[in-house]
Amino acid sequence: MYNMLRLRSDVFVVEQNCPYLDLDNKDQKSFHLLYYVDNELAGVTRLLPGGLSYNEISIGRVVIARSHRGLGLGVKLMEASIAGCEEKFGKAPIRISAQYHLSKFYQSLGFVEHGEVYDEDGIPHIEMLRA
């Protein structure tokens, strides 16, 4: 758990210079997908049941370690996360809050933009839904 929280803090708080409360009391009610490469934590996502962040199931806290970016792991991590949501919660729509500059990436995985761009902790975001 420490490695997961450390990776999230390294990227979201330090690298993106975005002080925010990562520990939001949702981790205890969620499942976490930890993606390892050669015994090193390379990526993490949080799989949330419907009703916790949104009415729908959701995937959040998507992060790839800086040392493992550019290797195509983002697609593998998200594909595994979608499969994990279906395994844990059943096949249903999945909603995410995506950093807007990653919208095309999420569209390639079947997510569609919903609503307007909004500011979250100084970073443009957009909600996206995968039916």
C-alpha atoms as a PDB file:
ATOM      1  CA  MET A   1       0.000   0.000   0.000  1.00  0.00           C
ATOM      2  CA  TYR A   2       2.845   2.356   0.815  1.00  0.00           C
ATOM      3  CA  ASN A   3       4.310   1.966  -2.699  1.00  0.00           C
ATOM      4  CA  MET A   4       0.918   2.721  -4.258  1.00  0.00           C
ATOM      5  CA  LEU A   5       0.408   5.865  -2.173  1.00  0.00           C
ATOM      6  CA  ARG A   6       4.013   6.922  -2.767  1.00  0.00           C
ATOM      7  CA  LEU A   7       3.582   6.633  -6.556  1.00  0.00           C
ATOM      8  CA  ARG A   8       0.364   8.641  -6.479  1.00  0.00           C
ATOM      9  CA  SER A   9       2.016  11.324  -4.350  1.00  0.00           C
ATOM     10  CA  ASP A  10       5.152  11.409  -6.534  1.00  0.00           C
ATOM     11  CA  VAL A  11       3.118  12.069  -9.673  1.00  0.00           C
ATOM     12  CA  PHE A  12      -0.007  13.949  -8.601  1.00  0.00           C
ATOM     13  CA  VAL A  13       1.423  16.102  -5.820  1.00  0.00           C
ATOM     14  CA  VAL A  14       5.133  16.523  -6.601  1.00  0.00           C
ATOM     15  CA  GLU A  15       5.466  16.148 -10.385  1.00  0.00           C
ATOM     16  CA  GLN A  16       2.210  17.925 -11.260  1.00  0.00           C
ATOM     17  CA  ASN A  17       2.773  20.450  -8.449  1.00  0.00           C
ATOM     18  CA  CYS A  18      -0.783  19.923  -7.264  1.00  0.00           C
ATOM     19  CA  PRO A  19      -1.221  19.849  -3.489  1.00  0.00           C
ATOM     20  CA  TYR A  20      -4.502  18.069  -2.861  1.00  0.00           C
ATOM     21  CA  LEU A  21      -5.932  15.594  -0.381  1.00  0.00           C
ATOM     22  CA  ASP A  22      -5.222  12.213  -1.970  1.00  0.00           C
ATOM     23  CA  LEU A  23      -6.472  10.288   1.056  1.00  0.00           C
ATOM     24  CA  ASP A  24     -10.187  10.950   0.554  1.00  0.00           C
ATOM     25  CA  ASN A  25     -11.688   7.954   2.407  1.00  0.00           C
ATOM     26  CA  LYS A  26     -12.568   6.222  -0.875  1.00  0.00           C
ATOM     27  CA  ASP A  27      -9.577   3.859  -0.958  1.00  0.00           C
ATOM     28  CA  GLN A  28     -11.045   1.670   1.789  1.00  0.00           C
ATOM     29  CA  LYS A  29     -14.190   1.054  -0.303  1.00  0.00           C
ATOM     30  CA  SER A  30     -12.359   0.551  -3.608  1.00  0.00           C
ATOM     31  CA  PHE A  31     -10.255  -2.055  -5.330  1.00  0.00           C
ATOM     32  CA  HIS A  32      -6.749  -1.139  -6.485  1.00  0.00           C
ATOM     33  CA  LEU A  33      -5.007  -2.427  -9.564  1.00  0.00           C
ATOM     34  CA  LEU A  34      -1.234  -2.403  -9.194  1.00  0.00           C
ATOM     35  CA  TYR A  35       0.703  -2.979 -12.419  1.00  0.00           C
ATOM     36  CA  TYR A  36       4.235  -4.313 -11.993  1.00  0.00           C
ATOM     37  CA  VAL A  37       7.066  -4.532 -14.515  1.00  0.00           C
ATOM     38  CA  ASP A  38      10.082  -6.584 -13.440  1.00  0.00           C
ATOM     39  CA  ASN A  39       8.947  -6.471  -9.791  1.00  0.00           C
ATOM     40  CA  GLU A  40       8.749  -2.667  -9.878  1.00  0.00           C
ATOM     41  CA  LEU A  41       5.454  -0.818  -9.421  1.00  0.00           C
ATOM     42  CA  ALA A  42       4.884   0.839 -12.805  1.00  0.00           C
ATOM     43  CA  GLY A  43       1.248   1.918 -12.597  1.00  0.00           C
ATOM     44  CA  VAL A  44      -1.831   2.083 -10.403  1.00  0.00           C
ATOM     45  CA  THR A  45      -5.564   2.644 -10.751  1.00  0.00           C
ATOM     46  CA  ARG A  46      -8.421   2.758  -8.286  1.00  0.00           C
ATOM     47  CA  LEU A  47     -11.644   0.897  -9.149  1.00  0.00           C
ATOM     48  CA  LEU A  48     -14.655   2.418  -7.436  1.00  0.00           C
ATOM     49  CA  PRO A  49     -18.121   0.880  -7.118  1.00  0.00           C
ATOM     50  CA  GLY A  50     -21.114   2.838  -8.332  1.00  0.00           C
ATOM     51  CA  GLY A  51     -22.368   5.395  -5.825  1.00  0.00           C
ATOM     52  CA  LEU A  52     -18.963   6.227  -4.354  1.00  0.00           C
ATOM     53  CA  SER A  53     -17.724   8.950  -6.721  1.00  0.00           C
ATOM     54  CA  TYR A  54     -20.448   8.782  -9.370  1.00  0.00           C
ATOM     55  CA  ASN A  55     -23.680   6.871  -9.859  1.00  0.00           C
ATOM     56  CA  GLU A  56     -21.707   4.683 -12.258  1.00  0.00           C
ATOM     57  CA  ILE A  57     -18.686   2.492 -11.593  1.00  0.00           C
ATOM     58  CA  SER A  58     -15.535   4.541 -12.016  1.00  0.00           C
ATOM     59  CA  ILE A  59     -11.796   4.317 -12.460  1.00  0.00           C
ATOM     60  CA  GLY A  60      -9.644   6.925 -10.790  1.00  0.00           C
ATOM     61  CA  ARG A  61      -6.146   7.774  -9.612  1.00  0.00           C
ATOM     62  CA  VAL A  62      -4.735   6.505 -12.919  1.00  0.00           C
ATOM     63  CA  VAL A  63      -0.970   6.882 -12.803  1.00  0.00           C
ATOM     64  CA  ILE A  64       2.094   5.539 -14.591  1.00  0.00           C
ATOM     65  CA  ALA A  65       5.512   5.992 -12.990  1.00  0.00           C
ATOM     66  CA  ARG A  66       7.710   8.447 -14.872  1.00  0.00           C
ATOM     67  CA  SER A  67      10.276   5.678 -15.382  1.00  0.00           C
ATOM     68  CA  HIS A  68       7.716   3.576 -17.282  1.00  0.00           C
ATOM     69  CA  ARG A  69       6.041   6.146 -19.517  1.00  0.00           C
ATOM     70  CA  GLY A  70       6.162   5.911 -23.294  1.00  0.00           C
ATOM     71  CA  LEU A  71       6.127   2.113 -23.254  1.00  0.00           C
ATOM     72  CA  GLY A  72       2.417   1.580 -23.963  1.00  0.00           C
ATOM     73  CA  LEU A  73       1.666   0.658 -20.358  1.00  0.00           C
ATOM     74  CA  GLY A  74      -1.172   3.189 -20.104  1.00  0.00           C
ATOM     75  CA  VAL A  75      -3.283   1.184 -22.536  1.00  0.00           C
ATOM     76  CA  LYS A  76      -2.481  -2.085 -20.756  1.00  0.00           C
ATOM     77  CA  LEU A  77      -3.229  -0.542 -17.365  1.00  0.00           C
ATOM     78  CA  MET A  78      -6.583   0.837 -18.498  1.00  0.00           C
ATOM     79  CA  GLU A  79      -7.571  -2.373 -20.296  1.00  0.00           C
ATOM     80  CA  ALA A  80      -6.798  -4.319 -17.123  1.00  0.00           C
ATOM     81  CA  SER A  81      -8.754  -1.751 -15.082  1.00  0.00           C
ATOM     82  CA  ILE A  82     -11.818  -2.011 -17.328  1.00  0.00           C
ATOM     83  CA  ALA A  83     -11.642  -5.811 -17.068  1.00  0.00           C
ATOM     84  CA  GLY A  84     -11.208  -5.488 -13.299  1.00  0.00           C
ATOM     85  CA  CYS A  85     -14.310  -3.304 -13.026  1.00  0.00           C
ATOM     86  CA  GLU A  86     -16.315  -5.865 -14.995  1.00  0.00           C
ATOM     87  CA  GLU A  87     -15.006  -8.680 -12.794  1.00  0.00           C
ATOM     88  CA  LYS A  88     -15.654  -6.893  -9.491  1.00  0.00           C
ATOM     89  CA  PHE A  89     -18.833  -4.942 -10.304  1.00  0.00           C
ATOM     90  CA  GLY A  90     -20.303  -6.523 -13.440  1.00  0.00           C
ATOM     91  CA  LYS A  91     -20.480  -5.180 -16.974  1.00  0.00           C
ATOM     92  CA  ALA A  92     -21.845  -1.633 -16.689  1.00  0.00           C
ATOM     93  CA  PRO A  93     -21.002   1.923 -17.775  1.00  0.00           C
ATOM     94  CA  ILE A  94     -17.766   3.346 -16.356  1.00  0.00           C
ATOM     95  CA  ARG A  95     -17.314   7.071 -15.670  1.00  0.00           C
ATOM     96  CA  ILE A  96     -13.959   8.806 -15.269  1.00  0.00           C
ATOM     97  CA  SER A  97     -12.710  12.294 -14.575  1.00  0.00           C
ATOM     98  CA  ALA A  98      -9.931  12.637 -17.132  1.00  0.00           C
ATOM     99  CA  GLN A  99      -7.232  15.232 -17.409  1.00  0.00           C
ATOM    100  CA  TYR A 100      -8.391  16.989 -20.559  1.00  0.00           C
ATOM    101  CA  HIS A 101      -5.083  16.641 -22.410  1.00  0.00           C
ATOM    102  CA  LEU A 102      -5.557  12.835 -22.164  1.00  0.00           C
ATOM    103  CA  SER A 103      -9.054  12.857 -23.681  1.00  0.00           C
ATOM    104  CA  LYS A 104      -7.947  11.311 -27.006  1.00  0.00           C
ATOM    105  CA  PHE A 105      -6.159   8.523 -25.135  1.00  0.00           C
ATOM    106  CA  TYR A 106      -9.339   7.647 -23.228  1.00  0.00           C
ATOM    107  CA  GLN A 107     -11.431   7.942 -26.392  1.00  0.00           C
ATOM    108  CA  SER A 108      -9.234   5.228 -27.919  1.00  0.00           C
ATOM    109  CA  LEU A 109     -10.437   2.978 -25.068  1.00  0.00           C
ATOM    110  CA  GLY A 110     -14.126   3.648 -25.743  1.00  0.00           C
ATOM    111  CA  PHE A 111     -14.726   6.603 -23.415  1.00  0.00           C
ATOM    112  CA  VAL A 112     -16.805   9.543 -24.671  1.00  0.00           C
ATOM    113  CA  GLU A 113     -16.603  13.108 -23.359  1.00  0.00           C
ATOM    114  CA  HIS A 114     -19.578  14.171 -21.224  1.00  0.00           C
ATOM    115  CA  GLY A 115     -20.124  17.767 -20.218  1.00  0.00           C
ATOM    116  CA  GLU A 116     -17.797  20.704 -20.238  1.00  0.00           C
ATOM    117  CA  VAL A 117     -14.135  21.036 -19.320  1.00  0.00           C
ATOM    118  CA  TYR A 118     -13.694  22.029 -15.672  1.00  0.00           C
ATOM    119  CA  ASP A 119     -10.828  22.924 -13.379  1.00  0.00           C
ATOM    120  CA  GLU A 120      -9.795  20.391 -10.771  1.00  0.00           C
ATOM    121  CA  ASP A 121      -6.881  21.473  -8.612  1.00  0.00           C
ATOM    122  CA  GLY A 122      -5.575  23.779 -11.357  1.00  0.00           C
ATOM    123  CA  ILE A 123      -5.694  21.114 -14.104  1.00  0.00           C
ATOM    124  CA  PRO A 124      -8.360  21.053 -16.870  1.00  0.00           C
ATOM    125  CA  HIS A 125     -10.495  17.894 -16.598  1.00  0.00           C
ATOM    126  CA  ILE A 126     -13.519  16.429 -18.366  1.00  0.00           C
ATOM    127  CA  GLU A 127     -15.900  13.665 -17.376  1.00  0.00           C
ATOM    128  CA  MET A 128     -15.958  10.734 -19.762  1.00  0.00           C
ATOM    129  CA  LEU A 129     -18.241   7.699 -19.968  1.00  0.00           C
ATOM    130  CA  ARG A 130     -17.679   4.231 -21.406  1.00  0.00           C
ATOM    131  CA  ALA A 131     -21.081   2.676 -22.081  1.00  0.00           C
END
